[in-house]
Amino acid sequence: MSIECYNLEPAWLTKEYLETVLRKYKNDGGLQIVHLDIQPASAKGNNYASVMTRLKIKMHLSNNSIVDDSYVLKSSIESDAFSAEVIKDYDLFNTEMFMYDKVLPKLSALLKEIGDCDKIFADTIFVDYEHSAILLEDLAVLHCAIGNRIAGMNELETKATLRSLAKMHAAGAVLNERMPDVLTKLNLGFFHRSTKGLAPYFEGLFEVCANFAGECESLGPYYRDKMLQLKPYVMEFNRKSHEPPESYFQTLLHGDLWTTNILLRDRGEQLKNAILIDFQFSIWSTPAVDLHYFFNTSLPNELRIDRQDELVKCYYDVLADALERLNYGGRTPSLHDICIQMEAGRFYALSSTVVNQSAMINEKTDDAELKNLIGTDETASKFRATLYTNKKVQENIKNLLPYFDRKGLLDIA
């Protein structure tokens, strides 16, 4: 989902602030910024609860050299009071600051222990708990770019992402053995029982989907009625998919893995690897949560439906290998175990298709703001309705609702 605001740099972001941060990072007390260029770091519609800012900085160092560097600053919402209040209970920025400060560097170090030096996370420059901000390396310098959120990822990009995800999951399981009870406390995500701020988003889009189905010749009242009956249960059914039995293999999840939270290094035929970004919704749960969300927000139908078994196997092979090489002390799940978890949590595939993907592939970006996804006023209702005027969304729903119905996912009992 990634929640992002467009795009006013925070008032505290000054040359003096950055000089203090960079002097410490570069261990150069005489560093001086001679030029600072501040720009939006992502386009409206690519993401919907933070401000993303690219900083291009020319620095004069103590050794009299001049250095040009580029960084990305991720900071909390200051201009949208409504959205900030609604998402407060999700503790997004504390979660992400914890991830970038305390967790991701340790995951990278674990992978390096087994000789895996592929870069799968951005380097953390500074985490500012006072201002709820994270300064990161600018991955664009490494020729990284996001995929096409409208068309979805191709096979090469998908498998690169699954390899990075599997390594994260494996390292997370092992880190939890070394830091007991730390990662398992990450339990908020989208659907914690104490948080209801996103309910208008999920329930509202199930209703919009139902209305579309009722007007669609190939779907009709049968699907309209089923979707309307599901609406009051959407949050609870999704919550259950995030709360697996203790016997399931569980690990640290990304929590919001979709196209614009994945940076592809040297995108194209020479694609090196996929770098995962944006960890506001990271949780401890079954890998099926990340897989269903990724498959059903970021892939074209020929991959997410026709070749999903192959993709799960691709993910599993890397996961099992990494767990073995990292000397994981628990029981390594079998491929069958992962498939069982996928089937048990498949309602999240339906929800990700109906709700998340419809917002993610939206091309009418003028009103693409968080408050219009999660609001309860008429403006928000109208915006959610416009998401289903998208021909690609309509085709996805026409093709996939019958598939999900055959899986029994449209039934309440």
Protein backbone atom coordinates (compact mmCIF):
# COMPACT_ATOMS: atom_id res chain seq x y z
CA MET A 1 0.00 0.00 0.00
CA SER A 2 2.78 2.41 0.94
CA ILE A 3 1.34 5.66 2.07
CA GLU A 4 3.03 8.77 0.76
CA CYS A 5 2.22 12.47 0.64
CA TYR A 6 3.06 14.84 -2.23
CA ASN A 7 5.26 16.65 -1.52
CA LEU A 8 6.27 19.39 0.84
CA GLU A 9 9.67 19.02 2.48
CA PRO A 10 9.47 19.27 6.27
CA ALA A 11 10.31 22.63 7.82
CA TRP A 12 13.18 21.20 9.86
CA LEU A 13 14.99 19.94 6.75
CA THR A 14 17.69 22.60 6.49
CA LYS A 15 21.30 22.80 5.35
CA GLU A 16 22.41 22.98 8.97
CA TYR A 17 20.45 19.85 9.88
CA LEU A 18 21.98 17.89 7.01
CA GLU A 19 25.48 19.11 7.78
CA THR A 20 25.16 17.76 11.32
CA VAL A 21 23.95 14.37 10.06
CA LEU A 22 26.54 14.02 7.29
CA ARG A 23 29.46 15.16 9.46
CA LYS A 24 28.73 12.23 11.76
CA TYR A 25 28.07 9.75 8.96
CA LYS A 26 31.23 10.67 7.05
CA ASN A 27 33.28 11.25 10.21
CA ASP A 28 34.26 14.69 8.94
CA GLY A 29 33.69 17.53 11.37
CA GLY A 30 34.64 20.12 8.78
CA LEU A 31 32.14 19.05 6.12
CA GLN A 32 30.20 21.93 4.62
CA ILE A 33 27.28 21.84 2.21
CA VAL A 34 27.85 24.26 -0.63
CA HIS A 35 24.72 23.40 -2.64
CA LEU A 36 21.46 21.65 -1.73
CA ASP A 37 18.76 20.65 -4.20
CA ILE A 38 15.51 19.27 -2.76
CA GLN A 39 13.07 17.45 -5.06
CA PRO A 40 10.11 15.04 -4.77
CA ALA A 41 11.44 11.48 -4.85
CA SER A 42 8.43 9.72 -6.38
CA ALA A 43 5.50 10.50 -8.60
CA LYS A 44 1.95 10.93 -7.36
CA GLY A 45 0.04 7.68 -7.66
CA ASN A 46 3.12 5.48 -7.29
CA ASN A 47 2.53 5.38 -3.55
CA TYR A 48 -0.11 6.79 -1.28
CA ALA A 49 1.88 7.86 4.87
CA SER A 50 5.12 9.67 4.33
CA VAL A 51 6.89 12.42 2.43
CA MET A 52 9.59 11.21 0.03
CA THR A 53 12.29 13.73 -0.78
CA ARG A 54 15.43 13.42 -2.91
CA LEU A 55 18.40 15.45 -1.72
CA LYS A 56 21.21 16.27 -4.13
CA ILE A 57 24.08 17.68 -2.12
CA LYS A 58 27.42 19.19 -3.07
CA MET A 59 29.81 19.02 -0.12
CA HIS A 60 33.17 20.53 0.67
CA LEU A 61 35.16 18.09 2.80
CA SER A 62 37.98 18.75 5.24
CA ASN A 63 40.55 17.49 2.75
CA ASN A 64 39.41 20.27 0.36
CA SER A 65 37.74 17.83 -2.03
CA ILE A 66 34.29 18.49 -3.47
CA VAL A 67 31.82 15.58 -3.40
CA ASP A 68 28.40 15.27 -5.04
CA ASP A 69 26.07 12.86 -3.24
CA SER A 70 22.41 12.00 -3.48
CA TYR A 71 20.15 10.73 -0.70
CA VAL A 72 16.48 10.01 -0.13
CA LEU A 73 14.74 11.28 2.98
CA LYS A 74 11.59 9.57 4.14
CA SER A 75 9.65 11.59 6.70
CA SER A 76 6.26 11.44 8.35
CA ILE A 77 3.17 13.32 7.24
CA GLU A 78 2.93 16.87 8.50
CA SER A 79 0.51 18.49 6.08
CA ASP A 80 -2.41 15.99 6.15
CA ALA A 81 -3.73 16.00 9.73
CA PHE A 82 -6.66 13.69 8.94
CA SER A 83 -4.51 10.92 7.44
CA ALA A 84 -1.89 11.29 10.16
CA GLU A 85 -4.53 10.83 12.85
CA VAL A 86 -6.12 7.80 11.18
CA ILE A 87 -2.85 5.93 10.69
CA LYS A 88 -1.40 6.86 14.10
CA ASP A 89 -2.53 3.57 15.66
CA TYR A 90 -0.63 1.61 13.01
CA ASP A 91 2.68 2.96 14.38
CA LEU A 92 4.07 3.00 10.86
CA PHE A 93 7.08 5.18 11.35
CA ASN A 94 8.24 3.58 14.58
CA THR A 95 8.02 0.23 12.82
CA GLU A 96 10.01 1.42 9.83
CA MET A 97 12.61 3.27 11.89
CA PHE A 98 13.11 0.12 13.96
CA MET A 99 13.51 -1.90 10.77
CA TYR A 100 16.07 0.41 9.16
CA ASP A 101 17.95 1.10 12.39
CA LYS A 102 17.98 -2.25 14.20
CA VAL A 103 16.86 -5.04 11.88
CA LEU A 104 17.77 -4.66 8.21
CA PRO A 105 21.50 -4.08 8.83
CA LYS A 106 21.54 -7.30 10.88
CA LEU A 107 19.73 -9.23 8.14
CA SER A 108 22.31 -8.05 5.61
CA ALA A 109 25.13 -9.05 7.97
CA LEU A 110 23.65 -12.53 8.39
CA LEU A 111 23.52 -13.05 4.65
CA LYS A 112 27.10 -11.84 4.28
CA GLU A 113 28.14 -14.48 6.83
CA ILE A 114 27.21 -17.14 4.27
CA GLY A 115 28.84 -15.30 1.39
CA ASP A 116 25.66 -13.79 -0.02
CA CYS A 117 26.55 -10.18 -0.77
CA ASP A 118 23.60 -9.36 -3.04
CA LYS A 119 22.19 -6.02 -2.00
CA ILE A 120 18.54 -6.46 -1.00
CA PHE A 121 18.07 -3.39 1.24
CA ALA A 122 19.08 0.26 0.99
CA ASP A 123 21.87 1.41 3.30
CA THR A 124 20.67 3.43 6.29
CA ILE A 125 22.46 6.77 6.67
CA PHE A 126 20.59 8.11 9.70
CA VAL A 127 17.41 7.41 11.64
CA ASP A 128 15.93 10.50 13.30
CA TYR A 129 13.49 9.43 16.01
CA GLU A 130 12.74 13.02 17.02
CA HIS A 131 11.40 13.97 13.59
CA SER A 132 10.27 10.48 12.50
CA ALA A 133 12.59 10.52 9.51
CA ILE A 134 14.97 8.13 7.78
CA LEU A 135 17.86 9.20 5.55
CA LEU A 136 18.78 6.51 3.04
CA GLU A 137 21.20 6.09 0.20
CA ASP A 138 19.70 7.05 -3.15
CA LEU A 139 19.39 3.77 -5.01
CA ALA A 140 18.89 5.59 -8.30
CA VAL A 141 22.66 6.13 -8.24
CA LEU A 142 23.02 2.33 -8.52
CA HIS A 143 20.81 2.32 -11.63
CA CYS A 144 17.82 1.06 -9.68
CA ALA A 145 14.30 1.73 -10.86
CA ILE A 146 10.82 0.56 -10.00
CA GLY A 147 8.91 -1.69 -12.36
CA ASN A 148 5.77 -0.78 -14.24
CA ARG A 149 2.96 -0.70 -11.66
CA ILE A 150 0.31 -0.61 -14.41
CA ALA A 151 1.55 -3.50 -16.56
CA GLY A 152 3.00 -5.48 -13.67
CA MET A 153 6.30 -7.28 -13.40
CA ASN A 154 7.67 -9.67 -16.01
CA GLU A 155 9.01 -13.13 -15.21
CA LEU A 156 12.62 -12.00 -14.75
CA GLU A 157 11.64 -9.20 -12.38
CA THR A 158 9.24 -11.44 -10.47
CA LYS A 159 11.79 -14.17 -9.84
CA ALA A 160 14.45 -11.64 -8.80
CA THR A 161 11.98 -10.24 -6.27
CA LEU A 162 11.11 -13.69 -4.95
CA ARG A 163 14.80 -14.48 -4.45
CA SER A 164 15.30 -11.32 -2.40
CA LEU A 165 12.12 -11.96 -0.43
CA ALA A 166 13.13 -15.55 0.34
CA LYS A 167 16.51 -14.37 1.62
CA MET A 168 14.83 -11.78 3.83
CA HIS A 169 12.45 -14.40 5.21
CA ALA A 170 15.27 -16.87 5.89
CA ALA A 171 17.49 -14.28 7.58
CA GLY A 172 14.52 -13.02 9.60
CA ALA A 173 13.80 -16.50 10.96
CA VAL A 174 17.44 -16.92 12.00
CA LEU A 175 17.71 -13.42 13.47
CA ASN A 176 14.68 -14.22 15.62
CA GLU A 177 16.61 -17.14 17.08
CA ARG A 178 19.45 -14.78 17.97
CA MET A 179 17.16 -11.98 19.21
CA PRO A 180 14.25 -13.89 20.81
CA ASP A 181 10.90 -12.13 21.19
CA VAL A 182 12.03 -8.95 19.40
CA LEU A 183 10.76 -9.52 15.88
CA THR A 184 7.66 -11.36 17.03
CA LYS A 185 6.46 -8.11 18.64
CA LEU A 186 5.97 -6.68 15.15
CA ASN A 187 2.29 -7.58 15.00
CA LEU A 188 0.36 -4.55 13.75
CA GLY A 189 0.41 -4.70 9.95
CA PHE A 190 -2.80 -3.81 8.14
CA PHE A 191 -5.17 -5.89 10.27
CA HIS A 192 -4.33 -5.88 13.98
CA ARG A 193 -7.43 -6.16 16.18
CA SER A 194 -6.69 -2.80 17.81
CA THR A 195 -6.63 -0.87 14.53
CA LYS A 196 -9.62 -0.07 12.34
CA GLY A 197 -8.50 3.03 10.45
CA LEU A 198 -8.18 1.21 7.13
CA ALA A 199 -11.64 -0.41 7.32
CA PRO A 200 -13.29 2.20 5.04
CA TYR A 201 -10.64 1.43 2.41
CA PHE A 202 -11.13 -2.34 2.43
CA GLU A 203 -14.87 -2.47 3.06
CA GLY A 204 -15.51 0.44 0.72
CA LEU A 205 -13.74 -1.19 -2.21
CA PHE A 206 -15.51 -4.51 -1.66
CA GLU A 207 -18.74 -2.54 -2.05
CA VAL A 208 -17.46 -0.76 -5.16
CA CYS A 209 -16.46 -4.12 -6.60
CA ALA A 210 -19.91 -5.51 -5.81
CA ASN A 211 -21.56 -2.60 -7.61
CA PHE A 212 -19.34 -3.13 -10.63
CA ALA A 213 -20.14 -6.85 -10.66
CA GLY A 214 -23.86 -6.12 -10.54
CA GLU A 215 -23.59 -3.94 -13.63
CA CYS A 216 -21.26 -6.32 -15.49
CA GLU A 217 -22.97 -8.67 -17.94
CA SER A 218 -20.46 -11.49 -17.37
CA LEU A 219 -20.77 -11.33 -13.56
CA GLY A 220 -24.17 -9.98 -12.55
CA PRO A 221 -26.28 -10.21 -9.36
CA TYR A 222 -24.73 -13.52 -8.26
CA TYR A 223 -21.32 -11.93 -7.70
CA ARG A 224 -22.76 -8.61 -6.54
CA ASP A 225 -24.68 -10.28 -3.75
CA LYS A 226 -21.75 -12.44 -2.69
CA MET A 227 -19.39 -9.46 -2.49
CA LEU A 228 -21.91 -7.41 -0.52
CA GLN A 229 -22.36 -10.28 1.92
CA LEU A 230 -18.58 -10.43 2.35
CA LYS A 231 -18.16 -6.72 3.03
CA PRO A 232 -18.75 -6.82 6.83
CA TYR A 233 -16.29 -9.72 7.16
CA VAL A 234 -13.39 -8.37 5.10
CA MET A 235 -11.30 -7.08 7.97
CA GLU A 236 -11.86 -10.19 10.11
CA PHE A 237 -11.11 -12.66 7.31
CA ASN A 238 -7.94 -10.76 6.41
CA ARG A 239 -6.98 -10.66 10.09
CA LYS A 240 -7.26 -14.44 10.27
CA SER A 241 -4.96 -14.80 7.26
CA HIS A 242 -2.34 -12.82 9.20
CA GLU A 243 -2.73 -14.87 12.41
CA PRO A 244 -1.65 -18.41 11.46
CA PRO A 245 -1.47 -21.40 13.81
CA GLU A 246 1.71 -21.61 15.90
CA SER A 247 2.66 -24.79 14.03
CA TYR A 248 3.16 -22.83 10.79
CA PHE A 249 6.58 -21.63 9.72
CA GLN A 250 6.61 -17.93 10.50
CA THR A 251 9.14 -15.20 9.93
CA LEU A 252 9.69 -11.49 9.51
CA LEU A 253 7.64 -10.23 6.57
CA HIS A 254 8.01 -7.19 4.39
CA GLY A 255 4.27 -6.59 4.81
CA ASP A 256 3.72 -4.29 1.82
CA LEU A 257 5.53 -5.94 -1.07
CA TRP A 258 4.34 -4.51 -4.37
CA THR A 259 5.83 -2.99 -7.48
CA THR A 260 6.82 0.43 -6.18
CA ASN A 261 8.39 -1.00 -3.03
CA ILE A 262 10.79 -3.00 -5.17
CA LEU A 263 13.76 -1.40 -6.89
CA LEU A 264 15.23 -3.36 -9.78
CA ARG A 265 18.97 -2.97 -10.24
CA ASP A 266 19.96 -2.57 -13.88
CA ARG A 267 16.41 -3.30 -14.95
CA GLY A 268 16.23 -5.13 -18.26
CA GLU A 269 17.95 -8.21 -19.65
CA GLN A 270 20.97 -7.59 -17.39
CA LEU A 271 18.84 -7.34 -14.23
CA LYS A 272 21.12 -7.94 -11.24
CA ASN A 273 18.74 -8.20 -8.33
CA ALA A 274 15.74 -6.70 -6.58
CA ILE A 275 16.11 -4.34 -3.61
CA LEU A 276 13.22 -4.17 -1.16
CA ILE A 277 12.19 -0.83 0.33
CA ASP A 278 9.43 0.58 2.57
CA PHE A 279 8.98 -1.42 5.78
CA GLN A 280 6.12 0.43 7.49
CA PHE A 281 3.90 -2.66 7.69
CA SER A 282 6.51 -5.30 8.54
CA ILE A 283 5.09 -8.04 10.73
CA TRP A 284 5.82 -11.52 12.05
CA SER A 285 3.57 -14.02 10.28
CA THR A 286 3.38 -16.69 7.58
CA PRO A 287 5.26 -16.11 4.29
CA ALA A 288 1.93 -16.67 2.54
CA VAL A 289 0.95 -13.10 3.48
CA ASP A 290 3.82 -11.57 1.50
CA LEU A 291 3.39 -13.99 -1.39
CA HIS A 292 -0.35 -13.48 -1.85
CA TYR A 293 0.00 -9.72 -1.63
CA PHE A 294 2.88 -9.60 -4.11
CA PHE A 295 1.29 -11.98 -6.60
CA ASN A 296 -2.06 -10.19 -6.58
CA THR A 297 -0.88 -6.59 -6.67
CA SER A 298 2.15 -6.73 -8.92
CA LEU A 299 1.87 -9.50 -11.50
CA PRO A 300 -0.07 -9.92 -14.73
CA ASN A 301 -2.63 -12.72 -14.75
CA GLU A 302 -0.50 -15.06 -16.85
CA LEU A 303 2.01 -15.14 -13.98
CA ARG A 304 -0.14 -14.82 -10.87
CA ILE A 305 -2.66 -17.46 -11.91
CA ASP A 306 -1.22 -19.63 -14.66
CA ARG A 307 2.29 -19.93 -13.19
CA GLN A 308 1.81 -19.34 -9.48
CA ASP A 309 2.90 -22.86 -8.50
CA GLU A 310 6.15 -22.36 -10.38
CA LEU A 311 6.74 -19.04 -8.66
CA VAL A 312 6.08 -20.49 -5.20
CA LYS A 313 8.63 -23.22 -6.01
CA CYS A 314 11.15 -20.55 -7.08
CA TYR A 315 10.65 -18.77 -3.77
CA TYR A 316 10.79 -21.98 -1.76
CA ASP A 317 14.05 -23.24 -3.26
CA VAL A 318 15.87 -20.05 -2.23
CA LEU A 319 14.22 -20.02 1.21
CA ALA A 320 15.15 -23.62 2.01
CA ASP A 321 18.72 -23.19 0.76
CA ALA A 322 19.24 -20.00 2.77
CA LEU A 323 17.78 -21.52 5.94
CA GLU A 324 20.16 -24.46 5.63
CA ARG A 325 23.23 -22.31 5.01
CA LEU A 326 22.29 -19.98 7.88
CA ASN A 327 22.04 -23.01 10.22
CA TYR A 328 18.43 -22.35 11.09
CA GLY A 329 17.64 -24.14 14.34
CA GLY A 330 13.95 -24.70 13.69
CA ARG A 331 12.26 -27.10 11.33
CA THR A 332 12.68 -26.03 7.73
CA PRO A 333 9.25 -26.10 6.10
CA SER A 334 8.69 -28.37 3.14
CA LEU A 335 7.34 -27.06 -0.14
CA HIS A 336 4.08 -28.80 0.78
CA ASP A 337 4.00 -26.88 4.06
CA ILE A 338 4.29 -23.57 2.21
CA CYS A 339 1.56 -24.62 -0.23
CA ILE A 340 -0.76 -25.49 2.66
CA GLN A 341 -0.12 -22.08 4.19
CA MET A 342 -0.84 -20.44 0.84
CA GLU A 343 -4.18 -22.23 0.55
CA ALA A 344 -5.17 -21.47 4.14
CA GLY A 345 -4.53 -17.76 3.66
CA ARG A 346 -5.90 -17.38 0.16
CA PHE A 347 -8.63 -14.93 1.18
CA TYR A 348 -5.83 -12.37 1.27
CA ALA A 349 -5.32 -12.98 -2.45
CA LEU A 350 -8.94 -12.03 -3.09
CA SER A 351 -8.68 -8.95 -0.89
CA SER A 352 -5.40 -7.82 -2.46
CA THR A 353 -6.97 -8.07 -5.90
CA VAL A 354 -10.25 -6.33 -5.09
CA VAL A 355 -8.80 -3.61 -2.85
CA ASN A 356 -5.07 -3.02 -3.11
CA GLN A 357 -4.44 -3.60 -6.77
CA SER A 358 -7.33 -1.40 -7.80
CA ALA A 359 -5.63 1.51 -6.01
CA MET A 360 -2.14 0.58 -7.12
CA ILE A 361 -2.83 0.57 -10.85
CA ASN A 362 -4.93 3.72 -10.71
CA GLU A 363 -4.04 6.13 -13.52
CA LYS A 364 -6.23 9.04 -12.39
CA THR A 365 -3.74 10.48 -9.94
CA ASP A 366 -5.13 14.00 -9.31
CA ASP A 367 -6.95 12.87 -6.15
CA ALA A 368 -4.68 9.91 -5.34
CA GLU A 369 -4.18 10.74 -1.68
CA LEU A 370 -4.43 8.62 1.41
CA LYS A 371 -7.37 10.60 2.81
CA ASN A 372 -9.40 9.68 -0.26
CA LEU A 373 -8.70 5.98 0.22
CA ILE A 374 -9.49 5.79 3.92
CA GLY A 375 -11.98 8.63 4.33
CA THR A 376 -15.70 8.27 4.98
CA ASP A 377 -16.92 11.45 3.29
CA GLU A 378 -18.47 11.80 -0.16
CA THR A 379 -15.18 12.82 -1.79
CA ALA A 380 -13.51 9.63 -0.58
CA SER A 381 -16.45 7.47 -1.70
CA LYS A 382 -16.34 9.03 -5.16
CA PHE A 383 -12.59 8.51 -5.43
CA ARG A 384 -12.86 4.83 -4.52
CA ALA A 385 -15.62 4.45 -7.10
CA THR A 386 -13.38 5.95 -9.81
CA LEU A 387 -10.85 3.18 -9.24
CA TYR A 388 -13.29 0.74 -10.82
CA THR A 389 -13.63 2.83 -13.98
CA ASN A 390 -10.15 1.58 -14.87
CA LYS A 391 -10.46 -0.94 -17.72
CA LYS A 392 -7.57 -3.02 -16.38
CA VAL A 393 -9.22 -3.28 -12.97
CA GLN A 394 -12.48 -4.28 -14.63
CA GLU A 395 -10.81 -7.00 -16.70
CA ASN A 396 -8.99 -8.34 -13.64
CA ILE A 397 -12.23 -8.57 -11.69
CA LYS A 398 -14.14 -10.20 -14.56
CA ASN A 399 -11.40 -12.81 -14.89
CA LEU A 400 -10.60 -13.39 -11.24
CA LEU A 401 -13.87 -13.27 -9.29
CA PRO A 402 -15.00 -16.58 -10.84
CA TYR A 403 -11.59 -18.07 -10.02
CA PHE A 404 -11.85 -16.96 -6.39
CA ASP A 405 -15.45 -18.19 -6.24
CA ARG A 406 -14.34 -21.65 -7.37
CA LYS A 407 -11.88 -21.57 -4.47
CA GLY A 408 -14.79 -20.95 -2.08
CA LEU A 409 -13.45 -17.54 -1.10
CA LEU A 410 -16.71 -15.68 -1.76
CA ASP A 411 -18.60 -17.81 0.75
CA ILE A 412 -19.03 -16.61 4.32
CA ALA A 413 -19.41 -20.01 5.97
